Amino acid sequence: MIELPFKRDEYQQRLRKIRAEMARRGIEVLIVNDVANQHYITGYDGWSFYTPP
């Protein structure tokens, strides 16, 4: 299992807030393409795609 960079309770709270806001706005699908937002939601560090020129 993957370890989160924050506690599981924090992860669940973030998801609840996101889902509540999506429901409030009538949004059924959320596409997150900004790396900082992906990290906030999932804890995944996707900065590895940056490479020097």
PDB file of N, CA and C in Angstrom:
ATOM      1  N   MET A   1       0.838  -1.176   0.000  1.00  0.00           N
ATOM      2  CA  MET A   1       0.000   0.000   0.000  1.00  0.00           C
ATOM      3  C   MET A   1       0.889   1.248   0.000  1.00  0.00           C
ATOM      4  N   ILE A   2       0.461   2.255  -0.723  1.00  0.00           N
ATOM      5  CA  ILE A   2       1.205   3.509  -0.828  1.00  0.00           C
ATOM      6  C   ILE A   2       0.983   4.340   0.430  1.00  0.00           C
ATOM      7  N   GLU A   3       2.066   4.907   0.946  1.00  0.00           N
ATOM      8  CA  GLU A   3       1.952   5.791   2.101  1.00  0.00           C
ATOM      9  C   GLU A   3       1.654   7.208   1.625  1.00  0.00           C
ATOM     10  N   LEU A   4       0.709   7.841   2.299  1.00  0.00           N
ATOM     11  CA  LEU A   4       0.375   9.225   1.986  1.00  0.00           C
ATOM     12  C   LEU A   4       1.314  10.155   2.742  1.00  0.00           C
ATOM     13  N   PRO A   5       1.591  11.342   2.209  1.00  0.00           N
ATOM     14  CA  PRO A   5       2.435  12.294   2.916  1.00  0.00           C
ATOM     15  C   PRO A   5       1.672  13.022   4.027  1.00  0.00           C
ATOM     16  N   PHE A   6       0.417  12.610   4.248  1.00  0.00           N
ATOM     17  CA  PHE A   6      -0.393  13.180   5.317  1.00  0.00           C
ATOM     18  C   PHE A   6      -1.251  12.064   5.894  1.00  0.00           C
ATOM     19  N   LYS A   7      -1.863  12.320   7.037  1.00  0.00           N
ATOM     20  CA  LYS A   7      -2.656  11.286   7.705  1.00  0.00           C
ATOM     21  C   LYS A   7      -3.887  10.913   6.887  1.00  0.00           C
ATOM     22  N   ARG A   8      -4.320   9.678   7.049  1.00  0.00           N
ATOM     23  CA  ARG A   8      -5.484   9.170   6.314  1.00  0.00           C
ATOM     24  C   ARG A   8      -6.726  10.027   6.579  1.00  0.00           C
ATOM     25  N   ASP A   9      -6.893  10.486   7.813  1.00  0.00           N
ATOM     26  CA  ASP A   9      -8.033  11.354   8.136  1.00  0.00           C
ATOM     27  C   ASP A   9      -8.010  12.630   7.303  1.00  0.00           C
ATOM     28  N   GLU A  10      -6.825  13.196   7.132  1.00  0.00           N
ATOM     29  CA  GLU A  10      -6.676  14.404   6.315  1.00  0.00           C
ATOM     30  C   GLU A  10      -7.051  14.105   4.863  1.00  0.00           C
ATOM     31  N   TYR A  11      -6.605  12.978   4.350  1.00  0.00           N
ATOM     32  CA  TYR A  11      -6.935  12.557   2.988  1.00  0.00           C
ATOM     33  C   TYR A  11      -8.445  12.442   2.814  1.00  0.00           C
ATOM     34  N   GLN A  12      -9.107  11.767   3.752  1.00  0.00           N
ATOM     35  CA  GLN A  12     -10.551  11.583   3.673  1.00  0.00           C
ATOM     36  C   GLN A  12     -11.288  12.915   3.782  1.00  0.00           C
ATOM     37  N   GLN A  13     -10.778  13.817   4.617  1.00  0.00           N
ATOM     38  CA  GLN A  13     -11.397  15.137   4.747  1.00  0.00           C
ATOM     39  C   GLN A  13     -11.275  15.919   3.433  1.00  0.00           C
ATOM     40  N   ARG A  14     -10.133  15.844   2.799  1.00  0.00           N
ATOM     41  CA  ARG A  14      -9.946  16.531   1.515  1.00  0.00           C
ATOM     42  C   ARG A  14     -10.925  16.000   0.472  1.00  0.00           C
ATOM     43  N   LEU A  15     -11.058  14.680   0.409  1.00  0.00           N
ATOM     44  CA  LEU A  15     -11.993  14.091  -0.555  1.00  0.00           C
ATOM     45  C   LEU A  15     -13.434  14.490  -0.254  1.00  0.00           C
ATOM     46  N   ARG A  16     -13.811  14.509   1.021  1.00  0.00           N
ATOM     47  CA  ARG A  16     -15.177  14.919   1.385  1.00  0.00           C
ATOM     48  C   ARG A  16     -15.455  16.347   0.933  1.00  0.00           C
ATOM     49  N   LYS A  17     -14.505  17.240   1.171  1.00  0.00           N
ATOM     50  CA  LYS A  17     -14.684  18.640   0.771  1.00  0.00           C
ATOM     51  C   LYS A  17     -14.808  18.769  -0.747  1.00  0.00           C
ATOM     52  N   ILE A  18     -13.959  18.058  -1.460  1.00  0.00           N
ATOM     53  CA  ILE A  18     -14.003  18.102  -2.927  1.00  0.00           C
ATOM     54  C   ILE A  18     -15.335  17.565  -3.430  1.00  0.00           C
ATOM     55  N   ARG A  19     -15.754  16.424  -2.904  1.00  0.00           N
ATOM     56  CA  ARG A  19     -17.017  15.816  -3.345  1.00  0.00           C
ATOM     57  C   ARG A  19     -18.210  16.694  -2.995  1.00  0.00           C
ATOM     58  N   ALA A  20     -18.181  17.334  -1.834  1.00  0.00           N
ATOM     59  CA  ALA A  20     -19.278  18.222  -1.440  1.00  0.00           C
ATOM     60  C   ALA A  20     -19.365  19.414  -2.386  1.00  0.00           C
ATOM     61  N   GLU A  21     -18.230  19.985  -2.727  1.00  0.00           N
ATOM     62  CA  GLU A  21     -18.215  21.131  -3.648  1.00  0.00           C
ATOM     63  C   GLU A  21     -18.657  20.709  -5.043  1.00  0.00           C
ATOM     64  N   MET A  22     -18.239  19.529  -5.463  1.00  0.00           N
ATOM     65  CA  MET A  22     -18.682  19.021  -6.762  1.00  0.00           C
ATOM     66  C   MET A  22     -20.195  18.833  -6.775  1.00  0.00           C
ATOM     67  N   ALA A  23     -20.746  18.269  -5.712  1.00  0.00           N
ATOM     68  CA  ALA A  23     -22.197  18.057  -5.624  1.00  0.00           C
ATOM     69  C   ALA A  23     -22.926  19.396  -5.624  1.00  0.00           C
ATOM     70  N   ARG A  24     -22.387  20.371  -4.889  1.00  0.00           N
ATOM     71  CA  ARG A  24     -23.012  21.698  -4.821  1.00  0.00           C
ATOM     72  C   ARG A  24     -23.087  22.339  -6.201  1.00  0.00           C
ATOM     73  N   ARG A  25     -22.074  22.106  -7.018  1.00  0.00           N
ATOM     74  CA  ARG A  25     -22.019  22.697  -8.358  1.00  0.00           C
ATOM     75  C   ARG A  25     -22.616  21.802  -9.442  1.00  0.00           C
ATOM     76  N   GLY A  26     -23.041  20.605  -9.064  1.00  0.00           N
ATOM     77  CA  GLY A  26     -23.607  19.682 -10.044  1.00  0.00           C
ATOM     78  C   GLY A  26     -22.565  19.052 -10.954  1.00  0.00           C
ATOM     79  N   ILE A  27     -21.351  18.926 -10.456  1.00  0.00           N
ATOM     80  CA  ILE A  27     -20.257  18.346 -11.237  1.00  0.00           C
ATOM     81  C   ILE A  27     -20.159  16.857 -10.919  1.00  0.00           C
ATOM     82  N   GLU A  28     -20.145  16.032 -11.963  1.00  0.00           N
ATOM     83  CA  GLU A  28     -20.063  14.582 -11.768  1.00  0.00           C
ATOM     84  C   GLU A  28     -18.654  14.033 -11.964  1.00  0.00           C
ATOM     85  N   VAL A  29     -17.835  14.727 -12.743  1.00  0.00           N
ATOM     86  CA  VAL A  29     -16.483  14.250 -13.042  1.00  0.00           C
ATOM     87  C   VAL A  29     -15.502  15.389 -12.792  1.00  0.00           C
ATOM     88  N   LEU A  30     -14.393  15.067 -12.153  1.00  0.00           N
ATOM     89  CA  LEU A  30     -13.354  16.059 -11.903  1.00  0.00           C
ATOM     90  C   LEU A  30     -12.070  15.601 -12.584  1.00  0.00           C
ATOM     91  N   ILE A  31     -11.565  16.418 -13.479  1.00  0.00           N
ATOM     92  CA  ILE A  31     -10.294  16.133 -14.139  1.00  0.00           C
ATOM     93  C   ILE A  31      -9.277  17.120 -13.580  1.00  0.00           C
ATOM     94  N   VAL A  32      -8.244  16.589 -12.978  1.00  0.00           N
ATOM     95  CA  VAL A  32      -7.225  17.423 -12.341  1.00  0.00           C
ATOM     96  C   VAL A  32      -5.933  17.265 -13.126  1.00  0.00           C
ATOM     97  N   ASN A  33      -5.517  18.328 -13.806  1.00  0.00           N
ATOM     98  CA  ASN A  33      -4.308  18.228 -14.618  1.00  0.00           C
ATOM     99  C   ASN A  33      -3.159  19.076 -14.090  1.00  0.00           C
ATOM    100  N   ASP A  34      -3.393  19.863 -13.068  1.00  0.00           N
ATOM    101  CA  ASP A  34      -2.322  20.646 -12.462  1.00  0.00           C
ATOM    102  C   ASP A  34      -1.615  19.781 -11.416  1.00  0.00           C
ATOM    103  N   VAL A  35      -0.304  19.678 -11.525  1.00  0.00           N
ATOM    104  CA  VAL A  35       0.466  18.791 -10.654  1.00  0.00           C
ATOM    105  C   VAL A  35       0.301  19.154  -9.178  1.00  0.00           C
ATOM    106  N   ALA A  36       0.263  20.440  -8.862  1.00  0.00           N
ATOM    107  CA  ALA A  36       0.105  20.855  -7.467  1.00  0.00           C
ATOM    108  C   ALA A  36      -1.239  20.393  -6.911  1.00  0.00           C
ATOM    109  N   ASN A  37      -2.288  20.484  -7.723  1.00  0.00           N
ATOM    110  CA  ASN A  37      -3.607  20.030  -7.279  1.00  0.00           C
ATOM    111  C   ASN A  37      -3.664  18.510  -7.168  1.00  0.00           C
ATOM    112  N   GLN A  38      -3.017  17.811  -8.081  1.00  0.00           N
ATOM    113  CA  GLN A  38      -2.946  16.349  -7.992  1.00  0.00           C
ATOM    114  C   GLN A  38      -2.263  15.939  -6.694  1.00  0.00           C
ATOM    115  N   HIS A  39      -1.198  16.641  -6.359  1.00  0.00           N
ATOM    116  CA  HIS A  39      -0.471  16.332  -5.124  1.00  0.00           C
ATOM    117  C   HIS A  39      -1.345  16.608  -3.907  1.00  0.00           C
ATOM    118  N   TYR A  40      -2.073  17.720  -3.914  1.00  0.00           N
ATOM    119  CA  TYR A  40      -2.949  18.056  -2.785  1.00  0.00           C
ATOM    120  C   TYR A  40      -4.006  16.978  -2.577  1.00  0.00           C
ATOM    121  N   ILE A  41      -4.590  16.502  -3.650  1.00  0.00           N
ATOM    122  CA  ILE A  41      -5.684  15.535  -3.548  1.00  0.00           C
ATOM    123  C   ILE A  41      -5.177  14.133  -3.223  1.00  0.00           C
ATOM    124  N   THR A  42      -4.113  13.709  -3.885  1.00  0.00           N
ATOM    125  CA  THR A  42      -3.701  12.306  -3.791  1.00  0.00           C
ATOM    126  C   THR A  42      -2.416  12.059  -3.016  1.00  0.00           C
ATOM    127  N   GLY A  43      -1.598  13.093  -2.885  1.00  0.00           N
ATOM    128  CA  GLY A  43      -0.293  12.899  -2.269  1.00  0.00           C
ATOM    129  C   GLY A  43       0.760  12.429  -3.259  1.00  0.00           C
ATOM    130  N   TYR A  44       0.355  12.211  -4.508  1.00  0.00           N
ATOM    131  CA  TYR A  44       1.291  11.752  -5.532  1.00  0.00           C
ATOM    132  C   TYR A  44       2.217  12.887  -5.942  1.00  0.00           C
ATOM    133  N   ASP A  45       3.509  12.613  -5.943  1.00  0.00           N
ATOM    134  CA  ASP A  45       4.499  13.604  -6.348  1.00  0.00           C
ATOM    135  C   ASP A  45       4.852  13.362  -7.807  1.00  0.00           C
ATOM    136  N   GLY A  46       4.193  14.078  -8.704  1.00  0.00           N
ATOM    137  CA  GLY A  46       4.393  13.877 -10.131  1.00  0.00           C
ATOM    138  C   GLY A  46       5.423  14.803 -10.739  1.00  0.00           C
ATOM    139  N   TRP A  47       6.250  15.425  -9.925  1.00  0.00           N
ATOM    140  CA  TRP A  47       7.225  16.369 -10.458  1.00  0.00           C
ATOM    141  C   TRP A  47       8.309  15.671 -11.268  1.00  0.00           C
ATOM    142  N   SER A  48       8.320  14.362 -11.272  1.00  0.00           N
ATOM    143  CA  SER A  48       9.363  13.631 -11.987  1.00  0.00           C
ATOM    144  C   SER A  48       9.289  13.806 -13.504  1.00  0.00           C
ATOM    145  N   PHE A  49       8.190  14.349 -14.008  1.00  0.00           N
ATOM    146  CA  PHE A  49       8.095  14.525 -15.461  1.00  0.00           C
ATOM    147  C   PHE A  49       8.889  15.725 -15.947  1.00  0.00           C
ATOM    148  N   TYR A  50       9.369  16.561 -15.022  1.00  0.00           N
ATOM    149  CA  TYR A  50      10.207  17.688 -15.428  1.00  0.00           C
ATOM    150  C   TYR A  50      11.627  17.193 -15.668  1.00  0.00           C
ATOM    151  N   THR A  51      12.176  17.539 -16.809  1.00  0.00           N
ATOM    152  CA  THR A  51      13.550  17.147 -17.116  1.00  0.00           C
ATOM    153  C   THR A  51      14.312  18.361 -17.611  1.00  0.00           C
ATOM    154  N   PRO A  52      15.596  18.393 -17.365  1.00  0.00           N
ATOM    155  CA  PRO A  52      16.377  19.539 -17.851  1.00  0.00           C
ATOM    156  C   PRO A  52      16.411  19.570 -19.381  1.00  0.00           C
ATOM    157  N   PRO A  53      16.519  20.754 -19.966  1.00  0.00           N
ATOM    158  CA  PRO A  53      16.549  20.863 -21.435  1.00  0.00           C
ATOM    159  C   PRO A  53      17.800  20.248 -22.032  1.00  0.00           C
TER     160      PRO A  53
END
